Amino acid sequence: MEHSEKVQVVEILAAKFGKAPIAILADYRGLTVAEITDLRRKLGAAEGELVVAKNTLTRRAVQDTPSAVIDGMLVGPTALAFGYGDPVAIAKVVQDFSKSTEALELKGAVFEGELLEPDRVKELAKMPGRDELRAQLLALLMTPATQLVRLLNTPASQLAQVLDARRRQQEEQA
């Protein structure tokens, strides 16, 4: 690889680290091409991407940035899973893939400049995703309104039941 190509790769990696709130590092030794392609497809569906780059170029890309905390993890073959959307979704994809394919071994992650050990990445993957949290929040916001409507409808429905009972009573007497 020529010097100009290396400079370009470093710039691209630096841009990816700057744009992505999470980058998960994994040892991909033993994965087949089909498995890597499958992981790339799954990450793409979760607004992420998988990049394999030389550790020295990755070190240069994160040098003097908050992502420099990953320096100690850049040993051996390293795949970088960048997440541009929901960090939890990316963590879930990588964690689920590492469970189903033992060849993929988590090394850790950098999440908004903070170093995460593999156990913390697994904990992040267990958290509800952005869409799940939105649904929970919406349900929480809707609960008081639903209860208010139910409360307002109760007297009217009770009145209707009383009138219906009175009507049946009169029909029986007639």
N, C-alpha and C. Protein backbone atom coordinates (compact mmCIF):
# COMPACT_ATOMS: atom_id res chain seq x y z
N MET A 1 0.85 -1.18 0.00
CA MET A 1 0.00 0.00 0.00
C MET A 1 0.90 1.24 0.00
N GLU A 2 0.64 2.12 -0.91
CA GLU A 2 1.44 3.33 -1.02
C GLU A 2 1.09 4.33 0.08
N HIS A 3 1.99 5.27 0.28
CA HIS A 3 1.81 6.28 1.34
C HIS A 3 0.51 7.06 1.15
N SER A 4 0.21 7.46 -0.07
CA SER A 4 -1.00 8.24 -0.32
C SER A 4 -2.26 7.43 -0.01
N GLU A 5 -2.23 6.12 -0.28
CA GLU A 5 -3.36 5.26 0.04
C GLU A 5 -3.54 5.14 1.55
N LYS A 6 -2.42 5.02 2.25
CA LYS A 6 -2.48 4.92 3.71
C LYS A 6 -3.06 6.19 4.32
N VAL A 7 -2.63 7.33 3.82
CA VAL A 7 -3.15 8.61 4.31
C VAL A 7 -4.65 8.69 4.08
N GLN A 8 -5.08 8.25 2.92
CA GLN A 8 -6.52 8.27 2.61
C GLN A 8 -7.29 7.34 3.54
N VAL A 9 -6.78 6.13 3.82
CA VAL A 9 -7.44 5.18 4.72
C VAL A 9 -7.53 5.78 6.12
N VAL A 10 -6.45 6.42 6.58
CA VAL A 10 -6.45 7.04 7.91
C VAL A 10 -7.51 8.14 7.98
N GLU A 11 -7.62 8.94 6.94
CA GLU A 11 -8.63 10.01 6.92
C GLU A 11 -10.05 9.43 6.95
N ILE A 12 -10.27 8.38 6.18
CA ILE A 12 -11.59 7.73 6.15
C ILE A 12 -11.93 7.16 7.51
N LEU A 13 -10.97 6.46 8.12
CA LEU A 13 -11.21 5.89 9.46
C LEU A 13 -11.46 6.98 10.49
N ALA A 14 -10.70 8.06 10.43
CA ALA A 14 -10.89 9.16 11.38
C ALA A 14 -12.29 9.75 11.22
N ALA A 15 -12.76 9.87 10.00
CA ALA A 15 -14.11 10.39 9.76
C ALA A 15 -15.16 9.44 10.32
N LYS A 16 -14.95 8.15 10.16
CA LYS A 16 -15.89 7.16 10.68
C LYS A 16 -15.94 7.20 12.21
N PHE A 17 -14.77 7.28 12.84
CA PHE A 17 -14.74 7.38 14.30
C PHE A 17 -15.40 8.66 14.77
N GLY A 18 -15.23 9.74 14.03
CA GLY A 18 -15.84 11.01 14.40
C GLY A 18 -17.35 11.01 14.25
N LYS A 19 -17.84 10.29 13.26
CA LYS A 19 -19.28 10.27 12.96
C LYS A 19 -20.05 9.26 13.82
N ALA A 20 -19.43 8.13 14.11
CA ALA A 20 -20.12 7.03 14.80
C ALA A 20 -20.05 7.21 16.32
N PRO A 21 -21.20 7.16 17.00
CA PRO A 21 -21.16 7.24 18.47
C PRO A 21 -20.57 5.98 19.10
N ILE A 22 -20.60 4.85 18.37
CA ILE A 22 -20.04 3.62 18.91
C ILE A 22 -19.24 2.89 17.83
N ALA A 23 -18.11 2.34 18.26
CA ALA A 23 -17.31 1.47 17.40
C ALA A 23 -16.93 0.26 18.24
N ILE A 24 -17.37 -0.90 17.77
CA ILE A 24 -17.11 -2.15 18.49
C ILE A 24 -15.97 -2.88 17.80
N LEU A 25 -15.00 -3.31 18.58
CA LEU A 25 -13.84 -4.02 18.05
C LEU A 25 -14.00 -5.51 18.31
N ALA A 26 -13.68 -6.32 17.31
CA ALA A 26 -13.80 -7.76 17.45
C ALA A 26 -12.70 -8.46 16.69
N ASP A 27 -12.30 -9.62 17.19
CA ASP A 27 -11.36 -10.48 16.50
C ASP A 27 -12.18 -11.35 15.56
N TYR A 28 -11.91 -11.25 14.28
CA TYR A 28 -12.71 -11.96 13.29
C TYR A 28 -12.03 -13.21 12.75
N ARG A 29 -10.93 -13.61 13.35
CA ARG A 29 -10.18 -14.77 12.89
C ARG A 29 -11.08 -16.01 12.86
N GLY A 30 -11.13 -16.69 11.74
CA GLY A 30 -11.92 -17.91 11.62
C GLY A 30 -13.27 -17.71 10.95
N LEU A 31 -13.66 -16.46 10.71
CA LEU A 31 -14.93 -16.22 10.03
C LEU A 31 -14.77 -16.49 8.53
N THR A 32 -15.79 -17.07 7.95
CA THR A 32 -15.78 -17.29 6.51
C THR A 32 -16.24 -16.02 5.81
N VAL A 33 -16.02 -15.97 4.51
CA VAL A 33 -16.45 -14.81 3.73
C VAL A 33 -17.97 -14.67 3.82
N ALA A 34 -18.68 -15.79 3.78
CA ALA A 34 -20.14 -15.75 3.87
C ALA A 34 -20.60 -15.19 5.21
N GLU A 35 -19.90 -15.56 6.29
CA GLU A 35 -20.26 -15.05 7.62
C GLU A 35 -19.98 -13.55 7.73
N ILE A 36 -18.86 -13.11 7.19
CA ILE A 36 -18.54 -11.68 7.22
C ILE A 36 -19.56 -10.90 6.40
N THR A 37 -19.95 -11.44 5.27
CA THR A 37 -20.96 -10.79 4.43
C THR A 37 -22.29 -10.71 5.17
N ASP A 38 -22.65 -11.77 5.88
CA ASP A 38 -23.89 -11.79 6.65
C ASP A 38 -23.84 -10.75 7.77
N LEU A 39 -22.70 -10.64 8.46
CA LEU A 39 -22.56 -9.64 9.52
C LEU A 39 -22.63 -8.23 8.94
N ARG A 40 -22.02 -8.01 7.80
CA ARG A 40 -22.09 -6.69 7.16
C ARG A 40 -23.53 -6.33 6.81
N ARG A 41 -24.28 -7.31 6.31
CA ARG A 41 -25.68 -7.07 5.95
C ARG A 41 -26.51 -6.72 7.18
N LYS A 42 -26.30 -7.46 8.26
CA LYS A 42 -27.04 -7.21 9.50
C LYS A 42 -26.69 -5.84 10.09
N LEU A 43 -25.41 -5.49 10.05
CA LEU A 43 -24.99 -4.18 10.56
C LEU A 43 -25.56 -3.06 9.69
N GLY A 44 -25.59 -3.27 8.39
CA GLY A 44 -26.15 -2.28 7.48
C GLY A 44 -27.62 -2.02 7.77
N ALA A 45 -28.35 -3.08 8.12
CA ALA A 45 -29.77 -2.93 8.45
C ALA A 45 -29.96 -2.15 9.74
N ALA A 46 -28.94 -2.13 10.60
CA ALA A 46 -29.01 -1.42 11.88
C ALA A 46 -28.26 -0.08 11.82
N GLU A 47 -28.09 0.47 10.63
CA GLU A 47 -27.38 1.73 10.42
C GLU A 47 -25.93 1.67 10.88
N GLY A 48 -25.27 0.60 10.48
CA GLY A 48 -23.86 0.44 10.83
C GLY A 48 -23.09 -0.14 9.67
N GLU A 49 -21.81 -0.35 9.90
CA GLU A 49 -20.98 -0.98 8.88
C GLU A 49 -19.80 -1.67 9.54
N LEU A 50 -19.26 -2.65 8.82
CA LEU A 50 -18.11 -3.39 9.29
C LEU A 50 -16.91 -3.00 8.44
N VAL A 51 -15.81 -2.64 9.11
CA VAL A 51 -14.58 -2.24 8.42
C VAL A 51 -13.44 -3.05 9.00
N VAL A 52 -12.61 -3.56 8.11
CA VAL A 52 -11.39 -4.24 8.53
C VAL A 52 -10.23 -3.37 8.05
N ALA A 53 -9.40 -2.94 9.00
CA ALA A 53 -8.27 -2.07 8.66
C ALA A 53 -7.07 -2.50 9.48
N LYS A 54 -5.91 -2.13 9.00
CA LYS A 54 -4.68 -2.44 9.73
C LYS A 54 -4.68 -1.68 11.06
N ASN A 55 -4.17 -2.34 12.08
CA ASN A 55 -4.14 -1.74 13.40
C ASN A 55 -3.32 -0.45 13.42
N THR A 56 -2.20 -0.42 12.69
CA THR A 56 -1.37 0.79 12.70
C THR A 56 -2.12 1.97 12.09
N LEU A 57 -2.89 1.72 11.03
CA LEU A 57 -3.66 2.80 10.41
C LEU A 57 -4.80 3.24 11.33
N THR A 58 -5.39 2.28 12.04
CA THR A 58 -6.45 2.62 12.99
C THR A 58 -5.89 3.46 14.13
N ARG A 59 -4.70 3.09 14.61
CA ARG A 59 -4.05 3.87 15.68
C ARG A 59 -3.84 5.32 15.23
N ARG A 60 -3.37 5.49 14.01
CA ARG A 60 -3.14 6.84 13.48
C ARG A 60 -4.45 7.61 13.35
N ALA A 61 -5.51 6.91 12.99
CA ALA A 61 -6.81 7.57 12.80
C ALA A 61 -7.38 8.09 14.11
N VAL A 62 -7.16 7.36 15.21
CA VAL A 62 -7.75 7.77 16.49
C VAL A 62 -6.78 8.56 17.36
N GLN A 63 -5.55 8.72 16.89
CA GLN A 63 -4.53 9.46 17.64
C GLN A 63 -5.04 10.87 17.96
N ASP A 64 -4.87 11.27 19.20
CA ASP A 64 -5.28 12.60 19.68
C ASP A 64 -6.78 12.84 19.58
N THR A 65 -7.58 11.79 19.67
CA THR A 65 -9.04 11.91 19.70
C THR A 65 -9.55 11.15 20.92
N PRO A 66 -10.81 11.35 21.30
CA PRO A 66 -11.35 10.58 22.42
C PRO A 66 -11.35 9.07 22.17
N SER A 67 -11.34 8.66 20.91
CA SER A 67 -11.35 7.23 20.58
C SER A 67 -9.98 6.58 20.76
N ALA A 68 -8.97 7.34 21.12
CA ALA A 68 -7.62 6.79 21.31
C ALA A 68 -7.57 5.77 22.44
N VAL A 69 -8.62 5.67 23.25
CA VAL A 69 -8.66 4.71 24.35
C VAL A 69 -8.63 3.26 23.87
N ILE A 70 -8.89 3.03 22.58
CA ILE A 70 -8.91 1.66 22.05
C ILE A 70 -7.53 1.14 21.71
N ASP A 71 -6.51 1.96 21.86
CA ASP A 71 -5.15 1.60 21.44
C ASP A 71 -4.73 0.23 21.95
N GLY A 72 -5.01 -0.09 23.19
CA GLY A 72 -4.63 -1.37 23.77
C GLY A 72 -5.36 -2.56 23.16
N MET A 73 -6.49 -2.33 22.53
CA MET A 73 -7.27 -3.41 21.92
C MET A 73 -6.85 -3.71 20.49
N LEU A 74 -6.01 -2.88 19.94
CA LEU A 74 -5.60 -3.05 18.54
C LEU A 74 -4.44 -4.03 18.45
N VAL A 75 -4.75 -5.29 18.72
CA VAL A 75 -3.78 -6.38 18.67
C VAL A 75 -4.42 -7.52 17.89
N GLY A 76 -3.69 -8.05 16.93
CA GLY A 76 -4.22 -9.14 16.12
C GLY A 76 -5.26 -8.64 15.13
N PRO A 77 -5.88 -9.56 14.40
CA PRO A 77 -6.88 -9.16 13.41
C PRO A 77 -8.06 -8.46 14.10
N THR A 78 -8.37 -7.26 13.63
CA THR A 78 -9.43 -6.48 14.27
C THR A 78 -10.43 -5.99 13.24
N ALA A 79 -11.69 -6.30 13.50
CA ALA A 79 -12.79 -5.77 12.69
C ALA A 79 -13.45 -4.67 13.51
N LEU A 80 -13.83 -3.60 12.85
CA LEU A 80 -14.48 -2.47 13.51
C LEU A 80 -15.93 -2.39 13.04
N ALA A 81 -16.85 -2.48 13.98
CA ALA A 81 -18.27 -2.33 13.67
C ALA A 81 -18.68 -0.93 14.10
N PHE A 82 -18.89 -0.06 13.13
CA PHE A 82 -19.28 1.32 13.41
C PHE A 82 -20.80 1.40 13.44
N GLY A 83 -21.33 2.09 14.44
CA GLY A 83 -22.77 2.32 14.53
C GLY A 83 -23.08 3.79 14.40
N TYR A 84 -23.87 4.14 13.39
CA TYR A 84 -24.20 5.54 13.14
C TYR A 84 -25.58 5.92 13.67
N GLY A 85 -26.38 4.94 14.00
CA GLY A 85 -27.73 5.21 14.50
C GLY A 85 -27.81 4.87 15.98
N ASP A 86 -28.60 3.87 16.28
CA ASP A 86 -28.82 3.43 17.65
C ASP A 86 -27.65 2.55 18.11
N PRO A 87 -26.86 3.00 19.10
CA PRO A 87 -25.72 2.21 19.56
C PRO A 87 -26.13 0.85 20.12
N VAL A 88 -27.30 0.79 20.75
CA VAL A 88 -27.77 -0.48 21.32
C VAL A 88 -28.04 -1.49 20.21
N ALA A 89 -28.60 -1.03 19.10
CA ALA A 89 -28.90 -1.94 17.99
C ALA A 89 -27.62 -2.55 17.43
N ILE A 90 -26.57 -1.74 17.30
CA ILE A 90 -25.29 -2.25 16.80
C ILE A 90 -24.71 -3.26 17.78
N ALA A 91 -24.76 -2.93 19.07
CA ALA A 91 -24.25 -3.85 20.09
C ALA A 91 -25.02 -5.17 20.06
N LYS A 92 -26.34 -5.10 19.86
CA LYS A 92 -27.15 -6.32 19.79
C LYS A 92 -26.77 -7.17 18.58
N VAL A 93 -26.57 -6.53 17.44
CA VAL A 93 -26.20 -7.27 16.23
C VAL A 93 -24.87 -8.00 16.44
N VAL A 94 -23.88 -7.28 16.94
CA VAL A 94 -22.55 -7.88 17.13
C VAL A 94 -22.61 -8.97 18.21
N GLN A 95 -23.30 -8.70 19.31
CA GLN A 95 -23.40 -9.67 20.39
C GLN A 95 -24.12 -10.93 19.92
N ASP A 96 -25.25 -10.78 19.25
CA ASP A 96 -25.99 -11.94 18.75
C ASP A 96 -25.16 -12.73 17.75
N PHE A 97 -24.44 -12.03 16.88
CA PHE A 97 -23.61 -12.70 15.90
C PHE A 97 -22.47 -13.46 16.59
N SER A 98 -21.88 -12.87 17.63
CA SER A 98 -20.78 -13.56 18.32
C SER A 98 -21.29 -14.78 19.09
N LYS A 99 -22.56 -14.75 19.50
CA LYS A 99 -23.14 -15.93 20.16
C LYS A 99 -23.33 -17.07 19.15
N SER A 100 -23.84 -16.72 17.97
CA SER A 100 -24.13 -17.75 16.96
C SER A 100 -22.87 -18.20 16.23
N THR A 101 -21.86 -17.35 16.17
CA THR A 101 -20.62 -17.68 15.48
C THR A 101 -19.47 -17.47 16.45
N GLU A 102 -18.99 -18.54 17.02
CA GLU A 102 -17.97 -18.43 18.06
C GLU A 102 -16.64 -17.87 17.54
N ALA A 103 -16.47 -17.82 16.22
CA ALA A 103 -15.21 -17.31 15.66
C ALA A 103 -15.07 -15.80 15.87
N LEU A 104 -16.21 -15.10 16.06
CA LEU A 104 -16.15 -13.66 16.30
C LEU A 104 -16.05 -13.42 17.80
N GLU A 105 -14.94 -12.81 18.22
CA GLU A 105 -14.70 -12.58 19.65
C GLU A 105 -14.64 -11.08 19.92
N LEU A 106 -15.50 -10.61 20.81
CA LEU A 106 -15.52 -9.20 21.17
C LEU A 106 -14.24 -8.80 21.90
N LYS A 107 -13.68 -7.68 21.50
CA LYS A 107 -12.51 -7.13 22.19
C LYS A 107 -12.93 -5.98 23.10
N GLY A 108 -13.97 -5.27 22.69
CA GLY A 108 -14.43 -4.12 23.45
C GLY A 108 -15.02 -3.09 22.50
N ALA A 109 -15.19 -1.88 23.00
CA ALA A 109 -15.78 -0.83 22.17
C ALA A 109 -15.37 0.53 22.71
N VAL A 110 -15.59 1.53 21.87
CA VAL A 110 -15.49 2.91 22.30
C VAL A 110 -16.87 3.51 22.05
N PHE A 111 -17.47 4.01 23.14
CA PHE A 111 -18.82 4.56 23.08
C PHE A 111 -18.74 6.00 23.52
N GLU A 112 -18.86 6.92 22.56
CA GLU A 112 -18.78 8.36 22.81
C GLU A 112 -17.54 8.70 23.63
N GLY A 113 -16.40 8.13 23.23
CA GLY A 113 -15.12 8.43 23.86
C GLY A 113 -14.81 7.62 25.10
N GLU A 114 -15.74 6.76 25.52
CA GLU A 114 -15.52 5.94 26.71
C GLU A 114 -15.21 4.51 26.29
N LEU A 115 -14.19 3.93 26.91
CA LEU A 115 -13.79 2.56 26.62
C LEU A 115 -14.75 1.59 27.30
N LEU A 116 -15.26 0.64 26.54
CA LEU A 116 -16.14 -0.40 27.09
C LEU A 116 -15.45 -1.75 26.94
N GLU A 117 -15.35 -2.46 28.03
CA GLU A 117 -14.82 -3.82 27.99
C GLU A 117 -15.90 -4.73 27.39
N PRO A 118 -15.53 -5.95 26.96
CA PRO A 118 -16.52 -6.85 26.34
C PRO A 118 -17.77 -7.08 27.19
N ASP A 119 -17.61 -7.18 28.50
CA ASP A 119 -18.77 -7.40 29.37
C ASP A 119 -19.74 -6.22 29.32
N ARG A 120 -19.20 -5.01 29.24
CA ARG A 120 -20.07 -3.82 29.17
C ARG A 120 -20.76 -3.72 27.82
N VAL A 121 -20.11 -4.21 26.76
CA VAL A 121 -20.75 -4.25 25.45
C VAL A 121 -21.94 -5.22 25.51
N LYS A 122 -21.75 -6.34 26.18
CA LYS A 122 -22.83 -7.32 26.34
C LYS A 122 -23.98 -6.73 27.14
N GLU A 123 -23.67 -5.95 28.18
CA GLU A 123 -24.71 -5.28 28.97
C GLU A 123 -25.46 -4.26 28.11
N LEU A 124 -24.73 -3.53 27.28
CA LEU A 124 -25.35 -2.56 26.38
C LEU A 124 -26.31 -3.25 25.42
N ALA A 125 -25.92 -4.44 24.95
CA ALA A 125 -26.76 -5.19 24.02
C ALA A 125 -28.06 -5.66 24.68
N LYS A 126 -28.07 -5.79 26.00
CA LYS A 126 -29.27 -6.24 26.71
C LYS A 126 -30.27 -5.12 26.95
N MET A 127 -29.81 -3.89 26.79
CA MET A 127 -30.69 -2.74 27.03
C MET A 127 -31.73 -2.61 25.93
N PRO A 128 -32.85 -1.97 26.22
CA PRO A 128 -33.83 -1.74 25.15
C PRO A 128 -33.29 -0.74 24.14
N GLY A 129 -33.60 -0.96 22.89
CA GLY A 129 -33.15 -0.08 21.82
C GLY A 129 -33.93 1.22 21.79
N ARG A 130 -33.53 2.11 20.91
CA ARG A 130 -34.16 3.42 20.79
C ARG A 130 -35.65 3.28 20.47
N ASP A 131 -36.00 2.39 19.54
CA ASP A 131 -37.41 2.22 19.18
C ASP A 131 -38.23 1.66 20.34
N GLU A 132 -37.64 0.71 21.08
CA GLU A 132 -38.33 0.15 22.25
C GLU A 132 -38.57 1.23 23.31
N LEU A 133 -37.55 2.06 23.54
CA LEU A 133 -37.69 3.14 24.52
C LEU A 133 -38.75 4.15 24.09
N ARG A 134 -38.80 4.45 22.80
CA ARG A 134 -39.84 5.36 22.31
C ARG A 134 -41.22 4.77 22.53
N ALA A 135 -41.38 3.49 22.28
CA ALA A 135 -42.67 2.83 22.48
C ALA A 135 -43.06 2.86 23.96
N GLN A 136 -42.10 2.60 24.84
CA GLN A 136 -42.37 2.64 26.27
C GLN A 136 -42.75 4.05 26.72
N LEU A 137 -42.05 5.05 26.20
CA LEU A 137 -42.35 6.43 26.55
C LEU A 137 -43.74 6.82 26.05
N LEU A 138 -44.07 6.42 24.84
CA LEU A 138 -45.39 6.72 24.29
C LEU A 138 -46.48 6.07 25.13
N ALA A 139 -46.26 4.83 25.53
CA ALA A 139 -47.24 4.14 26.37
C ALA A 139 -47.39 4.87 27.70
N LEU A 140 -46.29 5.32 28.25
CA LEU A 140 -46.31 6.06 29.50
C LEU A 140 -47.07 7.37 29.37
N LEU A 141 -46.85 8.05 28.25
CA LEU A 141 -47.54 9.32 28.01
C LEU A 141 -49.03 9.11 27.74
N MET A 142 -49.38 7.99 27.13
CA MET A 142 -50.76 7.72 26.77
C MET A 142 -51.59 7.24 27.97
N THR A 143 -50.96 6.67 28.98
CA THR A 143 -51.67 6.10 30.12
C THR A 143 -52.58 7.11 30.81
N PRO A 144 -52.13 8.30 31.19
CA PRO A 144 -53.04 9.24 31.85
C PRO A 144 -54.23 9.62 30.97
N ALA A 145 -54.01 9.81 29.68
CA ALA A 145 -55.11 10.17 28.79
C ALA A 145 -56.11 9.03 28.69
N THR A 146 -55.61 7.81 28.60
CA THR A 146 -56.50 6.64 28.53
C THR A 146 -57.31 6.52 29.81
N GLN A 147 -56.67 6.73 30.95
CA GLN A 147 -57.38 6.64 32.22
C GLN A 147 -58.42 7.75 32.34
N LEU A 148 -58.11 8.94 31.86
CA LEU A 148 -59.05 10.04 31.90
C LEU A 148 -60.28 9.73 31.05
N VAL A 149 -60.07 9.22 29.86
CA VAL A 149 -61.20 8.87 28.98
C VAL A 149 -62.06 7.79 29.64
N ARG A 150 -61.41 6.81 30.23
CA ARG A 150 -62.14 5.73 30.91
C ARG A 150 -62.95 6.30 32.08
N LEU A 151 -62.34 7.22 32.82
CA LEU A 151 -63.01 7.83 33.97
C LEU A 151 -64.21 8.66 33.52
N LEU A 152 -64.06 9.39 32.42
CA LEU A 152 -65.16 10.21 31.91
C LEU A 152 -66.28 9.34 31.34
N ASN A 153 -65.94 8.20 30.79
CA ASN A 153 -66.95 7.31 30.20
C ASN A 153 -67.70 6.49 31.25
N THR A 154 -67.12 6.29 32.41
CA THR A 154 -67.73 5.43 33.42
C THR A 154 -69.12 5.91 33.86
N PRO A 155 -69.31 7.17 34.24
CA PRO A 155 -70.67 7.59 34.65
C PRO A 155 -71.70 7.41 33.52
N ALA A 156 -71.32 7.73 32.31
CA ALA A 156 -72.25 7.59 31.19
C ALA A 156 -72.61 6.13 30.98
N SER A 157 -71.65 5.24 31.07
CA SER A 157 -71.95 3.82 30.87
C SER A 157 -72.78 3.28 32.03
N GLN A 158 -72.51 3.77 33.24
CA GLN A 158 -73.32 3.34 34.38
C GLN A 158 -74.76 3.82 34.23
N LEU A 159 -74.96 5.04 33.77
CA LEU A 159 -76.30 5.56 33.53
C LEU A 159 -77.01 4.72 32.47
N ALA A 160 -76.29 4.37 31.41
CA ALA A 160 -76.87 3.55 30.35
C ALA A 160 -77.27 2.19 30.89
N GLN A 161 -76.46 1.61 31.77
CA GLN A 161 -76.79 0.31 32.36
C GLN A 161 -78.03 0.41 33.24
N VAL A 162 -78.14 1.47 34.02
CA VAL A 162 -79.31 1.68 34.88
C VAL A 162 -80.57 1.82 34.03
N LEU A 163 -80.51 2.64 32.98
CA LEU A 163 -81.65 2.83 32.09
C LEU A 163 -82.04 1.54 31.40
N ASP A 164 -81.05 0.75 30.98
CA ASP A 164 -81.33 -0.53 30.33
C ASP A 164 -81.99 -1.49 31.32
N ALA A 165 -81.50 -1.50 32.54
CA ALA A 165 -82.10 -2.37 33.56
C ALA A 165 -83.54 -1.94 33.83
N ARG A 166 -83.79 -0.65 33.90
CA ARG A 166 -85.15 -0.13 34.12
C ARG A 166 -86.06 -0.50 32.95
N ARG A 167 -85.55 -0.42 31.72
CA ARG A 167 -86.34 -0.78 30.54
C ARG A 167 -86.72 -2.26 30.59
N ARG A 168 -85.75 -3.13 30.93
CA ARG A 168 -86.04 -4.56 31.02
C ARG A 168 -87.06 -4.84 32.13
N GLN A 169 -86.93 -4.10 33.21
CA GLN A 169 -87.87 -4.28 34.34
C GLN A 169 -89.29 -3.92 33.89
N GLN A 170 -89.43 -2.83 33.14
CA GLN A 170 -90.75 -2.42 32.67
C GLN A 170 -91.30 -3.40 31.65
N GLU A 171 -90.44 -3.99 30.81
CA GLU A 171 -90.88 -4.96 29.81
C GLU A 171 -91.41 -6.21 30.50
N GLU A 172 -90.75 -6.62 31.59
CA GLU A 172 -91.18 -7.81 32.32
C GLU A 172 -92.54 -7.58 33.01
N GLN A 173 -92.78 -6.36 33.50
CA GLN A 173 -94.03 -6.05 34.16
C GLN A 173 -95.17 -5.90 33.17
N ALA A 174 -94.88 -5.57 31.95
CA ALA A 174 -95.93 -5.35 30.95
C ALA A 174 -96.42 -6.60 30.32
